[in-house]
Amino acid sequence: MTKRTKGTTGAEATHHRFLVLGNETGQYSVRPAFAEVPSGWTVAFGADTRRNCLDFLVSRCPVAQGRGSFRAG
């Protein structure tokens, strides 16, 4: 059985690894570490837990703008 924390899906379970990607316009995205990094994006943080990736974003991007996108302030 997969260990889950409150508010997560199976894909977000604590043992999975994620990356924080950034692009040249200052947007960030959290993606599974196994997924290919799309053209125009670079790894800004990770691979780490989803929680640590989100903490990284909050520490650098205090205001979420748009539909799940974070912009550097």
N, C-alpha and C. Protein backbone atom coordinates (compact mmCIF):
# COMPACT_ATOMS: atom_id res chain seq x y z
N MET A 1 0.85 -1.18 0.00
CA MET A 1 0.00 0.00 0.00
C MET A 1 0.89 1.24 0.00
N THR A 2 0.54 2.23 -0.78
CA THR A 2 1.30 3.47 -0.89
C THR A 2 0.99 4.38 0.29
N LYS A 3 2.04 4.88 0.94
CA LYS A 3 1.85 5.82 2.04
C LYS A 3 1.48 7.18 1.45
N ARG A 4 0.39 7.75 1.96
CA ARG A 4 -0.08 9.05 1.49
C ARG A 4 -0.18 10.00 2.66
N THR A 5 0.01 11.24 2.38
CA THR A 5 -0.22 12.27 3.38
C THR A 5 -1.51 12.98 3.02
N LYS A 6 -2.10 13.67 3.98
CA LYS A 6 -3.37 14.34 3.76
C LYS A 6 -3.27 15.28 2.56
N GLY A 7 -4.25 15.18 1.66
CA GLY A 7 -4.31 16.08 0.52
C GLY A 7 -3.44 15.69 -0.66
N THR A 8 -2.92 14.48 -0.68
CA THR A 8 -2.09 14.07 -1.82
C THR A 8 -2.74 12.94 -2.57
N THR A 9 -2.36 12.78 -3.80
CA THR A 9 -2.79 11.65 -4.60
C THR A 9 -1.66 10.64 -4.62
N GLY A 10 -1.87 9.50 -5.23
CA GLY A 10 -0.83 8.49 -5.31
C GLY A 10 0.42 9.01 -5.99
N ALA A 11 0.25 9.86 -7.02
CA ALA A 11 1.40 10.42 -7.74
C ALA A 11 2.19 11.40 -6.88
N GLU A 12 1.57 11.89 -5.81
CA GLU A 12 2.23 12.86 -4.95
C GLU A 12 2.71 12.25 -3.65
N ALA A 13 2.68 10.94 -3.54
CA ALA A 13 3.10 10.26 -2.31
C ALA A 13 4.52 10.67 -1.95
N THR A 14 4.84 10.59 -0.69
CA THR A 14 6.11 11.14 -0.19
C THR A 14 7.35 10.48 -0.77
N HIS A 15 7.26 9.29 -1.29
CA HIS A 15 8.47 8.64 -1.81
C HIS A 15 8.77 9.00 -3.26
N HIS A 16 7.88 9.69 -3.93
CA HIS A 16 8.13 10.12 -5.30
C HIS A 16 9.00 11.38 -5.30
N ARG A 17 9.74 11.57 -6.38
CA ARG A 17 10.61 12.74 -6.51
C ARG A 17 10.07 13.68 -7.57
N PHE A 18 10.24 14.97 -7.32
CA PHE A 18 9.76 16.02 -8.20
C PHE A 18 10.86 17.02 -8.47
N LEU A 19 10.68 17.79 -9.53
CA LEU A 19 11.59 18.87 -9.89
C LEU A 19 10.80 20.17 -9.93
N VAL A 20 11.46 21.26 -9.61
CA VAL A 20 10.91 22.59 -9.88
C VAL A 20 11.60 23.08 -11.14
N LEU A 21 10.81 23.38 -12.14
CA LEU A 21 11.34 23.89 -13.40
C LEU A 21 11.08 25.38 -13.48
N GLY A 22 11.97 26.10 -14.14
CA GLY A 22 11.78 27.52 -14.37
C GLY A 22 11.99 27.84 -15.83
N ASN A 23 11.36 28.93 -16.28
CA ASN A 23 11.59 29.36 -17.67
C ASN A 23 12.06 30.81 -17.67
N GLU A 24 12.38 31.32 -18.84
CA GLU A 24 12.97 32.66 -18.93
C GLU A 24 11.99 33.79 -18.62
N THR A 25 10.69 33.48 -18.54
CA THR A 25 9.72 34.51 -18.18
C THR A 25 9.46 34.56 -16.67
N GLY A 26 10.18 33.74 -15.90
CA GLY A 26 10.03 33.75 -14.46
C GLY A 26 8.93 32.85 -13.93
N GLN A 27 8.38 31.98 -14.77
CA GLN A 27 7.36 31.04 -14.32
C GLN A 27 8.03 29.77 -13.80
N TYR A 28 7.36 29.11 -12.88
CA TYR A 28 7.85 27.86 -12.31
C TYR A 28 6.78 26.79 -12.43
N SER A 29 7.25 25.54 -12.45
CA SER A 29 6.35 24.40 -12.54
C SER A 29 6.94 23.26 -11.73
N VAL A 30 6.08 22.50 -11.03
CA VAL A 30 6.51 21.30 -10.31
C VAL A 30 6.09 20.11 -11.15
N ARG A 31 7.08 19.27 -11.48
CA ARG A 31 6.82 18.11 -12.32
C ARG A 31 7.50 16.88 -11.75
N PRO A 32 6.96 15.70 -12.04
CA PRO A 32 7.63 14.47 -11.60
C PRO A 32 9.04 14.40 -12.18
N ALA A 33 9.98 13.92 -11.38
CA ALA A 33 11.38 13.87 -11.81
C ALA A 33 11.59 12.95 -13.00
N PHE A 34 10.71 11.96 -13.18
CA PHE A 34 10.89 11.04 -14.30
C PHE A 34 10.47 11.66 -15.63
N ALA A 35 9.70 12.75 -15.59
CA ALA A 35 9.21 13.37 -16.83
C ALA A 35 10.32 14.17 -17.51
N GLU A 36 10.29 14.19 -18.81
CA GLU A 36 11.27 14.95 -19.58
C GLU A 36 11.08 16.45 -19.33
N VAL A 37 12.19 17.16 -19.23
CA VAL A 37 12.13 18.62 -19.06
C VAL A 37 11.81 19.22 -20.43
N PRO A 38 10.70 19.97 -20.52
CA PRO A 38 10.30 20.54 -21.81
C PRO A 38 11.29 21.60 -22.30
N SER A 39 11.30 21.79 -23.59
CA SER A 39 12.12 22.82 -24.21
C SER A 39 11.76 24.18 -23.62
N GLY A 40 12.77 24.98 -23.30
CA GLY A 40 12.55 26.31 -22.75
C GLY A 40 12.49 26.34 -21.23
N TRP A 41 12.57 25.18 -20.59
CA TRP A 41 12.53 25.08 -19.13
C TRP A 41 13.85 24.49 -18.63
N THR A 42 14.26 24.89 -17.43
CA THR A 42 15.45 24.33 -16.80
C THR A 42 15.11 23.93 -15.37
N VAL A 43 15.92 23.04 -14.81
CA VAL A 43 15.70 22.60 -13.43
C VAL A 43 16.18 23.69 -12.49
N ALA A 44 15.28 24.18 -11.64
CA ALA A 44 15.61 25.20 -10.65
C ALA A 44 15.84 24.59 -9.27
N PHE A 45 15.26 23.41 -9.02
CA PHE A 45 15.38 22.75 -7.72
C PHE A 45 14.98 21.28 -7.87
N GLY A 46 15.61 20.44 -7.05
CA GLY A 46 15.25 19.02 -6.99
C GLY A 46 16.29 18.17 -7.67
N ALA A 47 16.05 16.94 -7.64
CA ALA A 47 14.85 16.17 -7.32
C ALA A 47 14.69 16.04 -5.80
N ASP A 48 13.43 16.19 -5.37
CA ASP A 48 13.13 16.14 -3.95
C ASP A 48 11.65 15.80 -3.80
N THR A 49 11.17 15.77 -2.56
CA THR A 49 9.76 15.50 -2.34
C THR A 49 8.92 16.65 -2.88
N ARG A 50 7.66 16.38 -3.14
CA ARG A 50 6.76 17.43 -3.62
C ARG A 50 6.67 18.55 -2.59
N ARG A 51 6.57 18.19 -1.32
CA ARG A 51 6.48 19.19 -0.25
C ARG A 51 7.70 20.12 -0.27
N ASN A 52 8.90 19.56 -0.41
CA ASN A 52 10.11 20.39 -0.43
C ASN A 52 10.16 21.26 -1.69
N CYS A 53 9.66 20.75 -2.79
CA CYS A 53 9.60 21.57 -4.01
C CYS A 53 8.64 22.74 -3.82
N LEU A 54 7.49 22.49 -3.20
CA LEU A 54 6.54 23.57 -2.94
C LEU A 54 7.11 24.58 -1.95
N ASP A 55 7.82 24.09 -0.94
CA ASP A 55 8.47 24.99 0.02
C ASP A 55 9.50 25.87 -0.69
N PHE A 56 10.24 25.29 -1.62
CA PHE A 56 11.21 26.06 -2.41
C PHE A 56 10.50 27.19 -3.15
N LEU A 57 9.37 26.87 -3.78
CA LEU A 57 8.62 27.90 -4.52
C LEU A 57 8.12 29.00 -3.59
N VAL A 58 7.56 28.63 -2.48
CA VAL A 58 7.02 29.63 -1.54
C VAL A 58 8.13 30.53 -1.02
N SER A 59 9.30 29.97 -0.79
CA SER A 59 10.41 30.78 -0.26
C SER A 59 10.93 31.79 -1.28
N ARG A 60 10.71 31.53 -2.55
CA ARG A 60 11.22 32.42 -3.60
C ARG A 60 10.14 33.20 -4.33
N CYS A 61 8.93 32.73 -4.24
CA CYS A 61 7.82 33.32 -5.00
C CYS A 61 6.62 33.47 -4.08
N PRO A 62 6.60 34.49 -3.25
CA PRO A 62 5.55 34.57 -2.24
C PRO A 62 4.14 34.75 -2.77
N VAL A 63 3.99 35.17 -4.02
CA VAL A 63 2.65 35.39 -4.57
C VAL A 63 2.44 34.48 -5.77
N ALA A 64 1.42 33.64 -5.69
CA ALA A 64 1.07 32.79 -6.83
C ALA A 64 0.21 33.60 -7.78
N GLN A 65 0.58 33.58 -9.03
CA GLN A 65 -0.17 34.32 -10.04
C GLN A 65 -0.64 33.36 -11.12
N GLY A 66 -1.83 33.56 -11.61
CA GLY A 66 -2.32 32.74 -12.70
C GLY A 66 -2.79 31.38 -12.22
N ARG A 67 -2.90 30.48 -13.14
CA ARG A 67 -3.46 29.15 -12.89
C ARG A 67 -2.37 28.19 -12.45
N GLY A 68 -1.92 28.31 -11.20
CA GLY A 68 -0.92 27.41 -10.68
C GLY A 68 0.50 27.79 -11.05
N SER A 69 0.71 28.91 -11.68
CA SER A 69 2.04 29.37 -12.03
C SER A 69 2.56 30.31 -10.96
N PHE A 70 3.83 30.22 -10.69
CA PHE A 70 4.47 31.12 -9.75
C PHE A 70 5.43 32.00 -10.54
N ARG A 71 5.45 33.26 -10.21
CA ARG A 71 6.40 34.19 -10.84
C ARG A 71 7.34 34.71 -9.77
N ALA A 72 8.61 34.77 -10.13
CA ALA A 72 9.59 35.33 -9.22
C ALA A 72 9.25 36.79 -8.94
N GLY A 73 9.33 37.19 -7.68
CA GLY A 73 8.98 38.55 -7.30
C GLY A 73 10.14 39.41 -7.41
